[in-house]
Amino acid sequence: MQAVPKAKYFYTVFTSPEGKQILNFLKDQTSDLSCLSHNTLLSGNISLNPAEFVFLREGQNSIIRYIEMMIKNFENEGKK
């Protein structure tokens, strides 16, 4: 799948009113948090060493950045 058609899917989904709500919810649960929320992942205790914690947080945040990047890619390239 080429980059622009794939970006169109992200743009279509996440710029709709419902998609914006979902993206904002995901941001609230991940990248906008100052630290990891246990409810974001699963119930119960999560035993992590510092390195695991950093990788987990980066994984959460990278998903949001990827979605936002795809939306911008379509806005910059796909709408031409």
N, C-alpha and C. Protein backbone atom coordinates (compact mmCIF):
# COMPACT_ATOMS: atom_id res chain seq x y z
N MET A 1 0.84 -1.18 0.00
CA MET A 1 0.00 0.00 0.00
C MET A 1 0.89 1.24 0.00
N GLN A 2 0.60 2.16 -0.89
CA GLN A 2 1.40 3.38 -0.98
C GLN A 2 1.07 4.31 0.18
N ALA A 3 2.01 5.22 0.45
CA ALA A 3 1.89 6.09 1.63
C ALA A 3 0.65 6.97 1.60
N VAL A 4 0.37 7.61 0.48
CA VAL A 4 -0.76 8.55 0.44
C VAL A 4 -2.10 7.82 0.59
N PRO A 5 -2.35 6.72 -0.13
CA PRO A 5 -3.63 6.02 0.11
C PRO A 5 -3.79 5.55 1.55
N LYS A 6 -2.71 5.07 2.15
CA LYS A 6 -2.79 4.64 3.55
C LYS A 6 -3.09 5.84 4.44
N ALA A 7 -2.44 6.97 4.17
CA ALA A 7 -2.67 8.17 4.96
C ALA A 7 -4.11 8.64 4.84
N LYS A 8 -4.71 8.41 3.67
CA LYS A 8 -6.10 8.81 3.47
C LYS A 8 -7.02 8.09 4.44
N TYR A 9 -6.76 6.82 4.69
CA TYR A 9 -7.57 6.07 5.64
C TYR A 9 -7.49 6.69 7.04
N PHE A 10 -6.29 7.01 7.47
CA PHE A 10 -6.11 7.63 8.78
C PHE A 10 -6.81 8.98 8.82
N TYR A 11 -6.63 9.77 7.75
CA TYR A 11 -7.25 11.09 7.68
C TYR A 11 -8.78 10.97 7.76
N THR A 12 -9.34 10.07 6.96
CA THR A 12 -10.79 9.91 6.92
C THR A 12 -11.35 9.50 8.28
N VAL A 13 -10.69 8.56 8.91
CA VAL A 13 -11.18 8.05 10.20
C VAL A 13 -11.00 9.08 11.31
N PHE A 14 -9.79 9.61 11.44
CA PHE A 14 -9.47 10.42 12.62
C PHE A 14 -9.80 11.90 12.48
N THR A 15 -10.29 12.35 11.33
CA THR A 15 -10.76 13.73 11.23
C THR A 15 -12.29 13.81 11.24
N SER A 16 -12.94 12.67 11.27
CA SER A 16 -14.40 12.67 11.45
C SER A 16 -14.70 13.09 12.89
N PRO A 17 -15.90 13.54 13.18
CA PRO A 17 -16.22 13.93 14.56
C PRO A 17 -15.97 12.81 15.57
N GLU A 18 -16.37 11.59 15.22
CA GLU A 18 -16.15 10.46 16.12
C GLU A 18 -14.67 10.12 16.23
N GLY A 19 -13.97 10.20 15.09
CA GLY A 19 -12.54 9.90 15.07
C GLY A 19 -11.75 10.88 15.93
N LYS A 20 -12.14 12.16 15.87
CA LYS A 20 -11.48 13.16 16.72
C LYS A 20 -11.69 12.85 18.19
N GLN A 21 -12.88 12.39 18.54
CA GLN A 21 -13.14 12.02 19.93
C GLN A 21 -12.27 10.83 20.34
N ILE A 22 -12.16 9.85 19.45
CA ILE A 22 -11.33 8.68 19.76
C ILE A 22 -9.87 9.08 19.90
N LEU A 23 -9.37 9.90 18.97
CA LEU A 23 -7.97 10.34 19.05
C LEU A 23 -7.72 11.13 20.32
N ASN A 24 -8.63 12.02 20.69
CA ASN A 24 -8.47 12.76 21.95
C ASN A 24 -8.49 11.83 23.15
N PHE A 25 -9.36 10.82 23.13
CA PHE A 25 -9.39 9.83 24.21
C PHE A 25 -8.06 9.09 24.29
N LEU A 26 -7.54 8.66 23.15
CA LEU A 26 -6.25 7.95 23.14
C LEU A 26 -5.13 8.84 23.68
N LYS A 27 -5.12 10.11 23.28
CA LYS A 27 -4.12 11.04 23.79
C LYS A 27 -4.24 11.20 25.30
N ASP A 28 -5.47 11.35 25.78
CA ASP A 28 -5.70 11.50 27.22
C ASP A 28 -5.20 10.29 27.99
N GLN A 29 -5.30 9.12 27.39
CA GLN A 29 -4.92 7.88 28.07
C GLN A 29 -3.44 7.53 27.90
N THR A 30 -2.75 8.21 26.97
CA THR A 30 -1.36 7.84 26.69
C THR A 30 -0.44 9.05 26.70
N SER A 31 -0.30 9.73 25.57
CA SER A 31 0.74 10.75 25.42
C SER A 31 0.54 11.98 26.27
N ASP A 32 -0.69 12.30 26.66
CA ASP A 32 -0.92 13.48 27.50
C ASP A 32 -0.73 13.20 28.99
N LEU A 33 -0.53 11.94 29.35
CA LEU A 33 -0.28 11.60 30.76
C LEU A 33 1.17 11.88 31.11
N SER A 34 1.40 12.31 32.32
CA SER A 34 2.78 12.53 32.74
C SER A 34 3.45 11.22 33.14
N CYS A 35 2.65 10.20 33.44
CA CYS A 35 3.21 8.89 33.76
C CYS A 35 2.21 7.81 33.35
N LEU A 36 2.64 6.57 33.41
CA LEU A 36 1.83 5.45 32.97
C LEU A 36 0.61 5.26 33.85
N SER A 37 -0.53 5.07 33.23
CA SER A 37 -1.76 4.78 33.95
C SER A 37 -2.02 3.28 33.85
N HIS A 38 -2.16 2.63 34.98
CA HIS A 38 -2.42 1.19 34.97
C HIS A 38 -3.71 0.87 34.23
N ASN A 39 -4.71 1.72 34.34
CA ASN A 39 -5.98 1.48 33.68
C ASN A 39 -5.84 1.49 32.16
N THR A 40 -4.81 2.14 31.67
CA THR A 40 -4.59 2.18 30.23
C THR A 40 -4.27 0.81 29.68
N LEU A 41 -3.58 0.02 30.45
CA LEU A 41 -3.11 -1.27 29.96
C LEU A 41 -3.99 -2.43 30.43
N LEU A 42 -4.09 -2.59 31.71
CA LEU A 42 -4.84 -3.69 32.28
C LEU A 42 -5.01 -3.44 33.76
N SER A 43 -5.90 -4.17 34.37
CA SER A 43 -6.09 -3.99 35.81
C SER A 43 -5.04 -4.82 36.55
N GLY A 44 -4.70 -4.37 37.72
CA GLY A 44 -3.70 -5.07 38.53
C GLY A 44 -2.38 -4.33 38.53
N ASN A 45 -1.43 -4.88 39.24
CA ASN A 45 -0.12 -4.27 39.36
C ASN A 45 0.76 -4.62 38.16
N ILE A 46 1.54 -3.66 37.75
CA ILE A 46 2.48 -3.88 36.66
C ILE A 46 3.87 -3.69 37.24
N SER A 47 4.65 -4.74 37.21
CA SER A 47 6.00 -4.67 37.73
C SER A 47 6.96 -4.41 36.57
N LEU A 48 7.52 -3.22 36.54
CA LEU A 48 8.41 -2.85 35.44
C LEU A 48 9.71 -2.31 35.98
N ASN A 49 10.80 -2.68 35.33
CA ASN A 49 12.05 -2.01 35.65
C ASN A 49 12.08 -0.71 34.85
N PRO A 50 12.98 0.21 35.16
CA PRO A 50 12.97 1.51 34.47
C PRO A 50 13.06 1.41 32.95
N ALA A 51 13.87 0.50 32.44
CA ALA A 51 14.01 0.37 30.98
C ALA A 51 12.70 -0.10 30.35
N GLU A 52 12.03 -1.05 30.97
CA GLU A 52 10.75 -1.53 30.45
C GLU A 52 9.72 -0.41 30.46
N PHE A 53 9.73 0.38 31.52
CA PHE A 53 8.80 1.49 31.65
C PHE A 53 8.98 2.48 30.50
N VAL A 54 10.24 2.83 30.22
CA VAL A 54 10.54 3.78 29.15
C VAL A 54 10.08 3.24 27.80
N PHE A 55 10.35 1.97 27.52
CA PHE A 55 9.93 1.38 26.24
C PHE A 55 8.41 1.33 26.14
N LEU A 56 7.75 1.03 27.23
CA LEU A 56 6.29 0.97 27.23
C LEU A 56 5.69 2.34 26.95
N ARG A 57 6.19 3.37 27.63
CA ARG A 57 5.68 4.73 27.41
C ARG A 57 5.95 5.19 25.99
N GLU A 58 7.15 4.90 25.48
CA GLU A 58 7.47 5.30 24.12
C GLU A 58 6.57 4.59 23.12
N GLY A 59 6.27 3.33 23.37
CA GLY A 59 5.36 2.60 22.50
C GLY A 59 3.98 3.22 22.47
N GLN A 60 3.49 3.60 23.64
CA GLN A 60 2.18 4.27 23.71
C GLN A 60 2.20 5.57 22.92
N ASN A 61 3.21 6.38 23.16
CA ASN A 61 3.29 7.69 22.54
C ASN A 61 3.51 7.60 21.03
N SER A 62 4.26 6.59 20.60
CA SER A 62 4.57 6.48 19.17
C SER A 62 3.32 6.17 18.35
N ILE A 63 2.36 5.48 18.92
CA ILE A 63 1.12 5.19 18.20
C ILE A 63 0.38 6.49 17.89
N ILE A 64 0.30 7.37 18.87
CA ILE A 64 -0.38 8.66 18.67
C ILE A 64 0.38 9.49 17.65
N ARG A 65 1.70 9.54 17.77
CA ARG A 65 2.50 10.32 16.81
C ARG A 65 2.33 9.78 15.39
N TYR A 66 2.23 8.45 15.25
CA TYR A 66 2.06 7.84 13.94
C TYR A 66 0.72 8.26 13.33
N ILE A 67 -0.34 8.21 14.10
CA ILE A 67 -1.65 8.61 13.60
C ILE A 67 -1.61 10.07 13.17
N GLU A 68 -1.04 10.94 14.00
CA GLU A 68 -0.96 12.36 13.67
C GLU A 68 -0.10 12.60 12.43
N MET A 69 0.98 11.83 12.28
CA MET A 69 1.85 11.96 11.11
C MET A 69 1.10 11.56 9.83
N MET A 70 0.31 10.50 9.90
CA MET A 70 -0.44 10.06 8.73
C MET A 70 -1.48 11.11 8.33
N ILE A 71 -2.12 11.72 9.31
CA ILE A 71 -3.09 12.78 9.01
C ILE A 71 -2.39 13.94 8.31
N LYS A 72 -1.24 14.37 8.82
CA LYS A 72 -0.50 15.47 8.21
C LYS A 72 0.01 15.10 6.83
N ASN A 73 0.46 13.84 6.66
CA ASN A 73 0.92 13.40 5.33
C ASN A 73 -0.19 13.56 4.30
N PHE A 74 -1.38 13.16 4.66
CA PHE A 74 -2.48 13.29 3.71
C PHE A 74 -2.83 14.74 3.47
N GLU A 75 -2.81 15.55 4.50
CA GLU A 75 -3.11 16.99 4.34
C GLU A 75 -2.08 17.64 3.42
N ASN A 76 -0.81 17.23 3.54
CA ASN A 76 0.25 17.84 2.74
C ASN A 76 0.39 17.26 1.34
N GLU A 77 0.14 15.95 1.20
CA GLU A 77 0.39 15.28 -0.08
C GLU A 77 -0.88 14.79 -0.77
N GLY A 78 -1.80 14.27 -0.01
CA GLY A 78 -2.96 13.61 -0.60
C GLY A 78 -4.03 14.53 -1.13
N LYS A 79 -4.10 15.73 -0.59
CA LYS A 79 -5.14 16.66 -1.02
C LYS A 79 -4.76 17.45 -2.26
N LYS A 80 -3.56 17.26 -2.76
CA LYS A 80 -3.09 18.03 -3.93
C LYS A 80 -3.83 17.62 -5.17
